[in-house]
Amino acid sequence: MTCLSTEELAALFDGRLPRARAVLARAHLAACPRCASEIHRLSVALEAAERGAAPPPSADLRERALALGRVPARSGDAEAPAAREALEPRPVLPPERD
C-alpha cells in the first residue's frame, strides 16, 4: 500500500474513511513511520486547538510561509524581500452606516 494522502489521513482521523479502507489504512500506519507521524501531528494539533493553544509550526511550514514573502530573484540579484506595503498590516475599518 502506498502512503496515505493528506485527505485520507484526515478522513481516517475524523472517522470518515470507509470501513474497509480504514482497516487497510490502520495496517499501513502500523508499518509506516511517515504516516504514523502525520496522524500524531493531527492529534497534537487537535489537542492544542481544544486547549486554545496553537502548536508551533514545523520548520518546513515556517520556511514555506517565509518564502511567500520573498520576491523571486532576477538573474544576478540577491533574493529580495516583498514590497514593504504588502507586508504592512492594513487597518480593519468598521462598516459604513447609512
Protein backbone atom coordinates (compact mmCIF):
# COMPACT_ATOMS: atom_id res chain seq x y z
CA MET A 1 0.00 0.00 0.00
CA THR A 2 1.25 3.49 -0.80
CA CYS A 3 1.30 6.25 1.78
CA LEU A 4 -1.97 7.89 2.67
CA SER A 5 -2.80 11.28 1.22
CA THR A 6 -3.46 14.23 3.50
CA GLU A 7 -7.17 13.88 2.75
CA GLU A 8 -7.14 10.17 3.61
CA LEU A 9 -5.25 10.82 6.84
CA ALA A 10 -7.75 13.49 7.84
CA ALA A 11 -10.70 11.25 6.94
CA LEU A 12 -9.22 8.39 8.96
CA PHE A 13 -8.59 10.71 11.88
CA ASP A 14 -12.15 12.10 11.71
CA GLY A 15 -13.74 8.67 11.25
CA ARG A 16 -14.97 9.49 7.74
CA LEU A 17 -12.88 6.92 5.88
CA PRO A 18 -14.99 3.95 4.70
CA ARG A 19 -14.58 0.92 6.98
CA ALA A 20 -12.71 -1.32 4.52
CA ARG A 21 -10.30 1.49 3.60
CA ALA A 22 -9.85 2.39 7.30
CA VAL A 23 -8.78 -1.19 8.09
CA LEU A 24 -6.13 -1.04 5.34
CA ALA A 25 -5.06 2.45 6.44
CA ARG A 26 -4.59 1.36 10.08
CA ALA A 27 -2.47 -1.60 8.95
CA HIS A 28 -0.40 0.81 6.87
CA LEU A 29 0.02 3.17 9.84
CA ALA A 30 1.43 0.31 11.91
CA ALA A 31 4.24 -0.14 9.38
CA CYS A 32 4.79 3.40 8.06
CA PRO A 33 6.59 5.88 10.33
CA ARG A 34 5.79 8.79 7.99
CA CYS A 35 2.03 8.28 8.04
CA ALA A 36 2.05 7.46 11.76
CA SER A 37 3.90 10.72 12.37
CA GLU A 38 1.31 12.67 10.36
CA ILE A 39 -1.55 11.13 12.38
CA HIS A 40 0.32 12.03 15.56
CA ARG A 41 0.71 15.63 14.35
CA LEU A 42 -3.05 15.79 13.66
CA SER A 43 -3.70 14.54 17.18
CA VAL A 44 -1.36 17.10 18.74
CA ALA A 45 -2.96 19.89 16.69
CA LEU A 46 -6.45 18.83 17.74
CA GLU A 47 -5.47 18.68 21.41
CA ALA A 48 -3.89 22.14 21.15
CA ALA A 49 -6.98 23.53 19.42
CA GLU A 50 -9.18 22.12 22.18
CA ARG A 51 -6.97 23.84 24.77
CA GLY A 52 -6.97 27.06 22.75
CA ALA A 53 -3.22 26.87 22.23
CA ALA A 54 -1.66 26.69 18.81
CA PRO A 55 1.25 24.27 18.38
CA PRO A 56 4.41 25.84 16.98
CA PRO A 57 4.76 25.50 13.21
CA SER A 58 7.16 22.92 11.86
CA ALA A 59 10.45 24.18 10.43
CA ASP A 60 9.23 23.23 6.94
CA LEU A 61 5.94 25.11 7.30
CA ARG A 62 7.73 28.14 8.71
CA GLU A 63 10.21 28.18 5.80
CA ARG A 64 7.42 27.86 3.22
CA ALA A 65 5.47 30.68 4.89
CA LEU A 66 8.52 32.93 4.94
CA ALA A 67 9.22 32.11 1.29
CA LEU A 68 5.80 33.50 0.38
CA GLY A 69 7.03 36.95 1.39
CA ARG A 70 10.03 36.84 -0.91
CA VAL A 71 10.06 38.13 -4.44
CA PRO A 72 11.78 35.71 -6.82
CA ALA A 73 15.28 36.96 -7.53
CA ARG A 74 16.14 38.15 -11.01
CA SER A 75 19.22 36.67 -12.55
CA GLY A 76 22.23 38.09 -10.76
CA ASP A 77 20.19 39.65 -7.91
CA ALA A 78 20.22 38.50 -4.34
CA GLU A 79 16.86 37.31 -3.01
CA ALA A 80 14.79 40.45 -2.41
CA PRO A 81 12.01 40.90 0.16
CA ALA A 82 8.44 41.55 -0.98
CA ALA A 83 7.25 45.13 -1.36
CA ARG A 84 7.06 46.90 2.01
CA GLU A 85 3.42 47.90 1.55
CA ALA A 86 2.44 44.27 1.04
CA LEU A 87 3.94 43.39 4.42
CA GLU A 88 2.42 46.26 6.42
CA PRO A 89 -0.78 45.49 8.33
CA ARG A 90 -3.90 47.08 6.91
CA PRO A 91 -6.41 48.67 9.28
CA VAL A 92 -9.77 47.00 9.62
CA LEU A 93 -12.42 49.63 9.10
CA PRO A 94 -15.86 49.40 10.66
CA PRO A 95 -18.75 49.05 8.22
CA GLU A 96 -20.24 52.28 6.95
CA ARG A 97 -23.53 53.33 8.46
CA ASP A 98 -26.34 54.72 6.34
